[in-house]
Protein backbone atom coordinates (compact mmCIF):
# COMPACT_ATOMS: atom_id res chain seq x y z
CA MET A 1 10.83 4.57 -16.10
CA ASP A 2 11.60 5.04 -12.49
CA PHE A 3 8.20 6.53 -11.75
CA GLU A 4 5.30 4.20 -11.24
CA ILE A 5 2.26 6.51 -12.68
CA GLU A 6 -1.20 5.76 -12.37
CA ASN A 7 -3.96 8.44 -13.53
CA HIS A 8 -2.04 11.17 -12.68
CA VAL A 9 -0.92 9.79 -9.23
CA LEU A 10 2.85 9.19 -8.40
CA ILE A 11 2.18 5.38 -6.61
CA ARG A 12 6.04 4.31 -6.37
CA TYR A 13 9.51 5.98 -7.30
CA LYS A 14 11.61 2.83 -7.89
CA ASN A 15 15.17 3.88 -7.66
CA PRO A 16 16.05 4.70 -4.22
CA ARG A 17 19.86 5.64 -5.02
CA ASP A 18 18.86 9.07 -6.62
CA GLU A 19 19.99 11.89 -5.08
CA GLU A 20 18.03 14.65 -7.21
CA ILE A 21 14.40 13.90 -8.55
CA LYS A 22 12.14 16.37 -10.89
CA ILE A 23 8.51 14.78 -10.41
CA PRO A 24 6.54 15.25 -13.90
CA GLU A 25 4.72 18.17 -14.35
CA ASP A 26 1.45 16.40 -15.06
CA ILE A 27 1.16 14.73 -11.40
CA ILE A 28 -1.45 15.92 -9.49
CA GLU A 29 -0.93 13.30 -6.72
CA ILE A 30 2.33 11.78 -4.44
CA GLY A 31 0.70 8.75 -3.25
CA ASP A 32 1.23 7.00 0.04
CA PHE A 33 4.71 5.86 0.68
CA ALA A 34 5.91 7.10 -2.97
CA PHE A 35 9.73 7.69 -1.89
CA GLU A 36 9.94 5.72 1.20
CA ASN A 37 13.37 4.79 2.32
CA CYS A 38 14.84 7.05 -1.03
CA TRP A 39 17.54 7.26 1.59
CA SER A 40 20.19 9.40 -0.81
CA LEU A 41 17.56 11.55 -1.98
CA MET A 42 19.03 15.10 -1.46
CA ARG A 43 16.98 17.44 -3.55
CA ILE A 44 13.52 17.23 -5.27
CA GLN A 45 11.42 19.41 -7.61
CA LEU A 46 7.39 19.36 -6.90
CA PRO A 47 5.25 20.21 -9.96
CA LYS A 48 3.28 23.10 -9.95
CA GLY A 49 0.04 21.59 -10.14
CA LEU A 50 0.49 19.09 -7.33
CA GLN A 51 -2.30 18.93 -5.02
CA LYS A 52 -1.86 16.18 -2.27
CA ILE A 53 1.09 14.49 -0.84
CA GLY A 54 0.02 11.20 0.48
CA LYS A 55 1.08 9.56 4.32
CA CYS A 56 4.35 8.78 4.76
CA ALA A 57 5.39 9.97 1.31
CA PHE A 58 9.08 10.80 1.81
CA SER A 59 9.27 8.63 4.99
CA GLY A 60 12.90 7.55 5.38
CA CYS A 61 14.47 9.93 2.94
CA LEU A 62 17.18 10.68 5.57
CA SER A 63 19.17 12.71 3.37
CA LEU A 64 16.24 15.24 2.27
CA ARG A 65 17.06 18.21 4.22
CA GLU A 66 14.59 20.85 2.44
CA ILE A 67 11.58 20.82 0.11
CA HIS A 68 9.32 23.42 -1.62
CA ILE A 69 5.72 23.05 -1.55
CA PRO A 70 3.92 24.73 -4.08
CA ALA A 71 0.80 27.06 -3.90
CA SER A 72 -1.49 24.32 -5.29
CA VAL A 73 -0.85 21.66 -2.24
CA LYS A 74 -4.40 21.29 -0.72
CA GLU A 75 -3.53 18.03 1.39
CA ILE A 76 -0.76 16.93 3.37
CA GLY A 77 -0.66 13.28 5.05
CA GLU A 78 0.41 12.44 7.90
CA ARG A 79 4.23 11.66 8.69
CA ALA A 80 4.95 12.88 5.17
CA PHE A 81 8.61 14.12 5.70
CA CYS A 82 11.26 12.78 7.65
CA ASP A 83 12.87 15.64 9.60
CA THR A 84 12.79 18.00 6.25
CA SER A 85 12.63 21.50 6.56
CA LEU A 86 9.34 22.82 4.75
CA ILE A 87 9.44 25.88 2.61
CA ILE A 88 5.54 26.54 1.72
CA SER A 89 4.48 29.20 -0.96
CA GLU A 90 3.02 32.15 0.10
CA GLN A 91 0.74 32.03 -2.22
CA ASN A 92 -0.64 28.39 -0.48
CA PRO A 93 -4.05 28.97 0.85
CA HIS A 94 -4.12 25.87 2.93
CA PHE A 95 -0.83 25.64 5.12
CA ILE A 96 1.84 27.54 6.61
CA THR A 97 4.96 27.29 8.54
CA LYS A 98 6.02 28.77 11.86
CA ASN A 99 8.74 28.23 14.13
CA GLY A 100 9.91 25.11 12.99
CA ALA A 101 6.12 23.79 12.84
CA LEU A 102 3.34 23.27 9.78
CA TYR A 103 -0.09 24.33 10.65
CA THR A 104 -3.47 24.86 8.34
CA LYS A 105 -3.81 28.45 6.95
CA ASP A 106 -6.02 29.54 9.70
CA MET A 107 -3.16 28.20 12.19
CA LYS A 108 -6.41 26.45 13.89
CA LYS A 109 -4.52 22.61 13.41
CA LEU A 110 -0.97 22.03 14.30
CA LEU A 111 0.23 19.16 11.73
CA SER A 112 3.54 18.58 12.58
CA TYR A 113 6.74 19.83 14.05
CA TYR A 114 9.38 19.32 11.05
CA GLN A 115 12.67 20.28 11.68
CA ASP A 116 15.53 19.34 13.87
CA MET A 117 15.20 20.68 17.53
CA SER A 118 16.93 23.97 17.92
CA GLU A 119 15.11 24.64 21.34
CA ILE A 120 14.25 22.38 24.23
CA ASP A 121 10.58 23.78 24.84
CA PHE A 122 8.31 24.45 22.20
CA CYS A 123 4.84 26.71 23.31
CA ILE A 124 2.19 26.00 21.15
CA PRO A 125 0.40 29.19 20.07
CA GLU A 126 -3.25 30.26 21.50
CA GLY A 127 -5.39 29.89 19.06
CA VAL A 128 -4.50 26.29 17.77
CA GLU A 129 -7.83 24.27 18.23
CA GLU A 130 -6.08 20.53 17.20
CA ILE A 131 -2.79 19.09 17.62
CA GLY A 132 -2.30 16.45 14.69
CA ALA A 133 -1.38 12.71 15.19
CA PHE A 134 2.52 11.94 14.99
CA ALA A 135 2.64 15.79 15.41
CA PHE A 136 6.16 15.66 17.47
CA GLU A 137 7.08 12.00 16.91
CA ASP A 138 10.96 11.53 17.31
CA HIS A 139 11.03 14.90 18.73
CA ALA A 140 12.05 14.97 22.67
CA PHE A 141 11.39 18.38 23.73
CA THR A 142 11.94 18.74 27.46
CA ASN A 143 8.64 20.62 27.77
CA ILE A 144 5.59 21.50 25.42
CA MET A 145 3.23 23.88 26.59
CA ILE A 146 -0.47 23.43 25.62
CA PRO A 147 -2.96 26.40 25.38
CA ALA A 148 -6.47 26.38 26.42
CA SER A 149 -7.60 27.01 22.90
CA VAL A 150 -6.34 23.23 22.15
CA THR A 151 -9.62 20.65 22.08
CA LYS A 152 -8.41 17.95 20.31
CA ILE A 153 -5.27 15.97 20.14
CA GLY A 154 -4.21 12.97 17.44
CA ARG A 155 -2.85 9.81 18.72
CA ARG A 156 1.14 9.61 19.18
CA ALA A 157 1.21 13.16 18.90
CA PHE A 158 3.71 13.32 21.91
CA GLN A 159 6.01 10.27 21.33
CA LEU A 160 9.22 11.30 23.38
CA VAL A 161 8.17 14.29 25.20
CA GLN A 162 9.43 14.46 28.45
CA SER A 163 6.90 17.14 30.12
CA MET A 164 3.74 19.36 29.57
CA THR A 165 2.55 22.15 30.79
CA LEU A 166 -1.25 22.93 30.27
CA ALA A 167 -3.08 26.28 30.42
CA GLU A 168 -4.47 26.94 33.88
CA ASP A 169 -7.66 25.54 34.46
CA HIS A 170 -7.56 23.92 31.04
CA PRO A 171 -11.14 23.07 29.97
CA CYS A 172 -10.66 19.99 27.58
CA PHE A 173 -7.49 18.01 29.33
CA VAL A 174 -5.77 17.61 32.82
CA ILE A 175 -2.72 16.30 33.97
CA HIS A 176 -2.43 13.99 37.00
CA ASP A 177 0.56 11.85 38.17
CA GLY A 178 2.42 12.42 34.97
CA VAL A 179 -0.34 11.43 32.77
CA LEU A 180 -2.37 13.31 30.36
CA TYR A 181 -6.39 13.04 30.31
CA THR A 182 -9.31 14.47 29.06
CA ARG A 183 -10.71 16.82 31.67
CA ASP A 184 -13.42 14.18 32.90
CA MET A 185 -10.37 11.88 32.94
CA THR A 186 -13.01 9.15 30.85
CA ARG A 187 -9.94 8.89 28.11
CA LEU A 188 -6.29 8.64 28.92
CA ILE A 189 -4.24 9.93 26.37
CA TYR A 190 -0.49 9.61 27.27
CA CYS A 191 1.70 8.58 29.80
CA ILE A 192 4.37 11.48 30.20
CA VAL A 193 6.45 10.48 32.82
CA LYS A 194 8.42 7.09 31.59
CA ASP A 195 10.11 6.01 35.00
CA GLN A 196 7.05 4.49 36.87
CA LYS A 197 7.10 0.39 37.41
CA GLU A 198 3.75 0.23 38.30
CA PHE A 199 0.62 2.06 37.15
CA SER A 200 -3.14 1.71 37.95
CA ILE A 201 -5.58 3.34 35.38
CA PRO A 202 -7.94 5.30 37.40
CA GLU A 203 -11.69 3.72 37.79
CA THR A 204 -12.68 6.86 35.65
CA VAL A 205 -11.20 5.80 32.38
CA HIS A 206 -13.12 4.36 29.72
CA SER A 207 -10.41 4.51 26.82
CA VAL A 208 -7.00 4.19 26.49
CA ASP A 209 -5.35 5.93 23.50
CA ALA A 210 -3.04 4.25 20.66
CA PHE A 211 0.76 4.21 22.25
CA ALA A 212 -0.37 5.86 25.46
CA PHE A 213 2.39 3.74 27.20
CA GLN A 214 4.45 4.01 24.37
CA ASN A 215 8.37 3.75 25.54
CA CYS A 216 7.67 3.43 29.35
CA PHE A 217 10.78 1.43 29.51
CA ALA A 218 10.49 1.06 33.10
CA MET A 219 6.56 -0.38 33.31
CA GLU A 220 6.24 -3.67 34.83
CA LYS A 221 2.91 -3.81 35.88
CA ILE A 222 -0.61 -2.10 34.63
CA SER A 223 -3.80 -2.60 36.28
CA ILE A 224 -7.04 -2.28 33.84
CA PRO A 225 -10.11 -1.21 35.85
CA ASN A 226 -13.44 -3.36 34.77
CA ASN A 227 -15.22 -0.45 32.87
CA ILE A 228 -12.57 -0.22 29.94
CA THR A 229 -14.52 -0.26 26.71
CA LYS A 230 -11.42 0.76 24.15
CA ILE A 231 -7.86 0.22 24.45
CA GLY A 232 -5.67 1.31 21.07
CA ASN A 233 -3.24 -0.25 19.16
CA PHE A 234 -0.19 -0.76 20.70
CA ALA A 235 -1.57 1.14 23.99
CA PHE A 236 0.75 -0.98 26.07
CA TRP A 237 4.13 -0.81 23.98
CA CYS A 238 6.08 -1.16 26.97
CA GLN A 239 9.55 -3.51 26.60
CA ASN A 240 9.45 -4.50 29.81
CA LEU A 241 5.91 -5.09 30.75
CA GLU A 242 5.43 -8.70 32.67
CA GLN A 243 1.78 -8.32 34.59
CA ILE A 244 -1.57 -6.78 33.30
CA GLN A 245 -4.07 -6.88 36.58
CA HIS A 246 -7.51 -7.08 35.26
CA GLN A 247 -10.81 -8.09 36.97
CA ASN A 248 -8.80 -8.79 40.36
CA LYS A 249 -6.78 -11.29 38.39
CA ILE A 250 -3.18 -10.93 37.48
CA PHE A 251 -1.90 -12.19 33.90
CA HIS A 252 1.41 -12.64 33.23
CA ILE A 253 1.88 -11.26 29.73
CA SER A 254 2.11 -14.74 28.26
CA GLU A 255 -1.38 -15.50 29.09
CA LEU A 256 -2.84 -12.40 27.79
CA PHE A 257 -4.00 -13.98 24.69
CA SER A 258 -6.85 -16.11 26.51
CA LEU A 259 -7.82 -12.68 28.44
CA LEU A 260 -8.19 -10.65 25.26
CA LYS A 261 -10.28 -13.33 23.32
CA GLN A 262 -12.72 -13.38 26.22
CA HIS A 263 -13.43 -9.49 25.95
CA SER A 264 -14.77 -8.04 22.84
CA PHE A 265 -13.30 -4.73 22.99
CA THR A 266 -14.10 -1.84 20.30
CA ASP A 267 -10.31 -1.64 18.99
CA HIS A 268 -7.71 -4.07 18.87
CA VAL A 269 -5.91 -4.20 22.01
CA PHE A 270 -3.23 -6.99 20.79
CA TRP A 271 -5.56 -9.48 19.48
CA ASN A 272 -9.24 -10.23 20.24
CA ASN A 273 -12.00 -12.69 19.19
CA ASP A 274 -10.37 -14.99 16.46
CA LEU A 275 -6.82 -14.88 16.97
CA SER A 276 -5.97 -15.87 13.45
CA GLN A 277 -8.63 -13.47 11.74
CA ASP A 278 -6.75 -10.90 14.06
CA ALA A 279 -3.90 -11.74 13.07
CA GLU A 280 -4.35 -11.74 9.22
CA GLU A 281 -5.22 -8.21 9.82
CA TYR A 282 -1.96 -7.28 11.35
CA THR A 283 -0.22 -8.66 8.63
CA ARG A 284 -2.05 -6.50 6.15
CA ASN A 285 -1.99 -3.16 8.16
CA GLU A 286 0.66 -0.57 7.63
CA GLU A 287 0.93 0.77 11.18
CA GLN A 288 0.00 -2.08 13.27
CA PHE A 289 2.12 -5.47 13.04
CA MET A 290 2.91 -6.13 16.55
CA PRO A 291 3.53 -4.70 19.90
CA ASN A 292 6.90 -4.75 21.02
CA ALA A 293 5.82 -6.43 24.30
CA LEU A 294 4.67 -9.45 22.96
CA MET A 295 7.43 -10.24 20.93
CA LYS A 296 8.55 -12.54 23.75
CA ILE A 297 5.27 -14.63 23.41
CA LYS A 298 5.36 -18.09 22.17
CA CYS A 299 1.35 -17.80 21.40
CA ILE A 300 2.82 -15.24 18.86
CA ASN A 301 3.80 -18.19 16.58
CA ALA A 302 0.05 -18.06 15.28
CA VAL A 303 1.07 -14.75 13.98
CA ILE A 304 4.44 -15.78 12.75
CA GLN A 305 3.34 -18.88 10.50
CA ILE A 306 0.75 -16.58 8.59
CA ALA A 307 3.70 -13.90 7.78
CA VAL A 308 5.69 -17.40 7.06
CA ASN A 309 3.02 -18.57 4.79
CA ARG A 310 2.77 -15.34 2.74
CA ASN A 311 6.51 -15.04 2.44
CA PHE A 312 6.48 -12.13 4.55
CA GLU A 313 4.74 -10.25 1.78
CA PHE A 314 2.92 -8.13 4.27
CA SER A 315 2.28 -4.29 4.66
CA CYS A 316 4.41 -2.68 7.32
CA PRO A 317 7.05 -0.10 8.30
CA LEU A 318 10.51 -1.47 7.24
CA ARG A 319 11.65 -0.17 10.46
CA LEU A 320 9.38 -2.53 12.11
CA LYS A 321 9.72 -5.40 9.32
CA TYR A 322 13.61 -5.26 10.39
CA ASP A 323 13.03 -5.64 13.85
CA ILE A 324 10.65 -8.93 13.47
CA MET A 325 12.96 -10.14 10.94
CA THR A 326 15.84 -10.17 12.79
CA ARG A 327 14.44 -11.71 15.70
CA MET A 328 13.00 -14.39 13.53
CA GLN A 329 16.01 -15.24 11.40
CA GLU A 330 15.85 -19.17 12.92
CA ASP A 331 13.26 -19.52 10.18
CA PRO A 332 14.24 -20.12 7.00
CA LYS A 333 11.62 -18.15 4.88
CA SER A 334 12.38 -15.07 7.49
CA ALA A 335 16.27 -15.35 6.97
CA ALA A 336 15.64 -15.59 3.36
CA TYR A 337 13.47 -12.47 2.80
CA LEU A 338 15.93 -10.78 5.39
CA ILE A 339 18.96 -11.19 3.19
CA TYR A 340 17.23 -10.36 0.00
CA HIS A 341 15.57 -7.09 1.16
CA PHE A 342 18.25 -6.38 3.66
CA VAL A 343 19.42 -3.22 1.64
CA GLU A 344 16.16 -1.66 1.70
CA MET A 345 15.89 -2.29 5.51
CA LEU A 346 19.76 -1.05 5.96
CA PRO A 347 19.14 2.87 6.65
CA PHE A 348 16.78 1.62 10.06
CA ALA A 349 19.68 -1.03 10.90
CA LEU A 350 22.35 1.31 10.79
CA HIS A 351 20.44 4.34 12.82
CA GLY A 352 22.11 5.37 16.00
CA THR A 353 25.10 3.07 15.20
CA ASP A 354 28.95 3.21 14.53
CA HIS A 355 28.35 2.00 10.67
CA ARG A 356 31.85 0.20 10.37
CA GLU A 357 31.44 -1.38 13.70
CA PHE A 358 27.77 -2.65 12.69
CA MET A 359 28.91 -3.89 9.62
CA GLN A 360 32.14 -5.68 10.87
CA ASN A 361 29.92 -7.52 13.40
CA LEU A 362 27.48 -8.71 10.62
CA LEU A 363 30.52 -10.26 8.81
CA ASN A 364 31.68 -11.66 11.95
CA GLU A 365 28.78 -13.34 12.39
CA GLY A 366 28.08 -14.26 8.46
CA LYS A 367 24.16 -14.53 8.70
CA LEU A 368 22.64 -11.66 6.97
CA ILE A 369 25.62 -11.04 4.49
CA ALA A 370 25.03 -13.30 1.30
CA LYS A 371 25.58 -14.09 -2.45
CA GLU A 372 22.26 -12.43 -2.81
CA ASN A 373 23.04 -9.21 -1.42
CA ILE A 374 26.76 -8.65 -1.18
CA ASP A 375 26.78 -6.55 -4.75
CA SER A 376 23.70 -4.50 -3.39
CA LEU A 377 25.52 -3.65 -0.20
CA ILE A 378 28.97 -2.58 -1.89
CA ARG A 379 26.91 -0.50 -4.25
CA TYR A 380 25.06 1.19 -1.03
CA PHE A 381 28.22 1.88 0.69
CA ILE A 382 29.74 3.65 -2.73
CA ASP A 383 26.68 5.51 -3.24
CA GLN A 384 26.83 6.86 0.70
CA LYS A 385 30.75 7.63 0.04
CA GLU A 386 31.85 4.91 3.03
CA TYR A 387 34.54 3.62 1.14
CA GLU A 388 36.08 2.02 4.07
CA ILE A 389 32.72 -0.17 4.69
CA GLN A 390 33.08 -0.80 1.04
CA VAL A 391 36.20 -2.22 1.17
CA MET A 392 35.41 -4.58 3.85
CA LEU A 393 32.39 -6.27 1.92
CA THR A 394 34.53 -6.26 -1.35
CA ASP A 395 37.53 -8.36 0.70
CA TYR A 396 34.81 -10.29 2.51
CA LYS A 397 33.39 -11.30 -1.03
CA HIS A 398 36.79 -12.46 -2.15
CA GLN A 399 37.29 -14.60 0.81
CA HIS A 400 33.79 -16.11 0.95
CA PHE A 401 32.29 -16.14 -2.64
CA ASP A 402 35.23 -16.93 -4.78
CA TYR A 403 35.03 -13.32 -5.91
CA GLN A 404 36.94 -12.54 -9.33
CA GLU A 405 35.40 -10.00 -10.89
CA ASP A 406 36.98 -6.03 -11.20
CA ILE A 407 35.26 -4.03 -8.70
CA TYR A 408 35.66 -0.98 -10.47
CA LYS A 409 35.04 -2.00 -13.85
CA LYS A 410 31.93 -3.76 -12.17
CA PHE A 411 30.57 -0.50 -10.47
CA GLY A 412 32.03 2.39 -12.93
CA LEU A 413 34.73 3.56 -10.53
CA ASP A 414 37.84 3.47 -13.35
């Protein structure tokens, strides 16, 4: 059976190559990550008695363009869908869709924007009180307009948004120098302007949200005031960050560990207190493995060693895991793991690339293509109908792995 089911909960679907799936009628819940990376899935039929769709349930389902949500569904988790158009039953008492966004039925919470952008601006309707976590993730709107009714904004709600407009004299939020804060400027929510090289967090700020400076590619230096008590995970996910200034001292990124081990922030910044304990925590956590800014740090070896000792069997999004593995190919255990699981990570590796050129470069390098995964790679590109790449891989196997089998017979193409 391709379905892994326990107590009427669909835990996991095991065949990522299926294009069409009908979920059994007795299922009442689709678990977290249940269909993650089912990249070939194009159509799915949900049971009429379904009550809950877990977080990231259809994450990575790049071919699933539309899904019908039955009236029985009461709960939809964060990031449940990947750019999939939602059709909500008119009889559903809990959810409604409008202009490409999913809301609670009373229109008080905007849960997510789910479809391909057709407009460059988005105006959140008056009356919405809460913007959910990850609501506009991966949607690079030129501008988002936030009405005065909004009182709560979830983490990483505006990952790629280029600018924001607040209702005049907004009672809860303010934008100052391209950064979104709460009205009293004690909480830094999101850095909108991405081209700043240096930034000083105001002395009024007590907390910095998770992912607040994500994708600030130009950022090289950040100054943190002394009265900061909380910094969210991945707050300083800035690829070119070189320095943090704190308590009138300048720390290069490679020195940050000693700083953070001295200060007990109420939330993890990168790691604090006991390094090994926090590193172990990050290898278990689904969304918080390590910030990109720390990938160059030699001290990261403590975390890498834990991952190696666990044969890389930690819970982590495949997109991050692929990035981590490719940076660690010199480690034999990491290389072996990446080769064995490469097909699972392939959709993320190929995203935004010329597929043929990307695969040709891999074949030229000869590191990630091996006897252990060549058949799976051939099957993947057959399923994707990218036959030119399939032929490239078949020729490579002939040349390097003493391949004598009939490709047409092996894959049922005759």
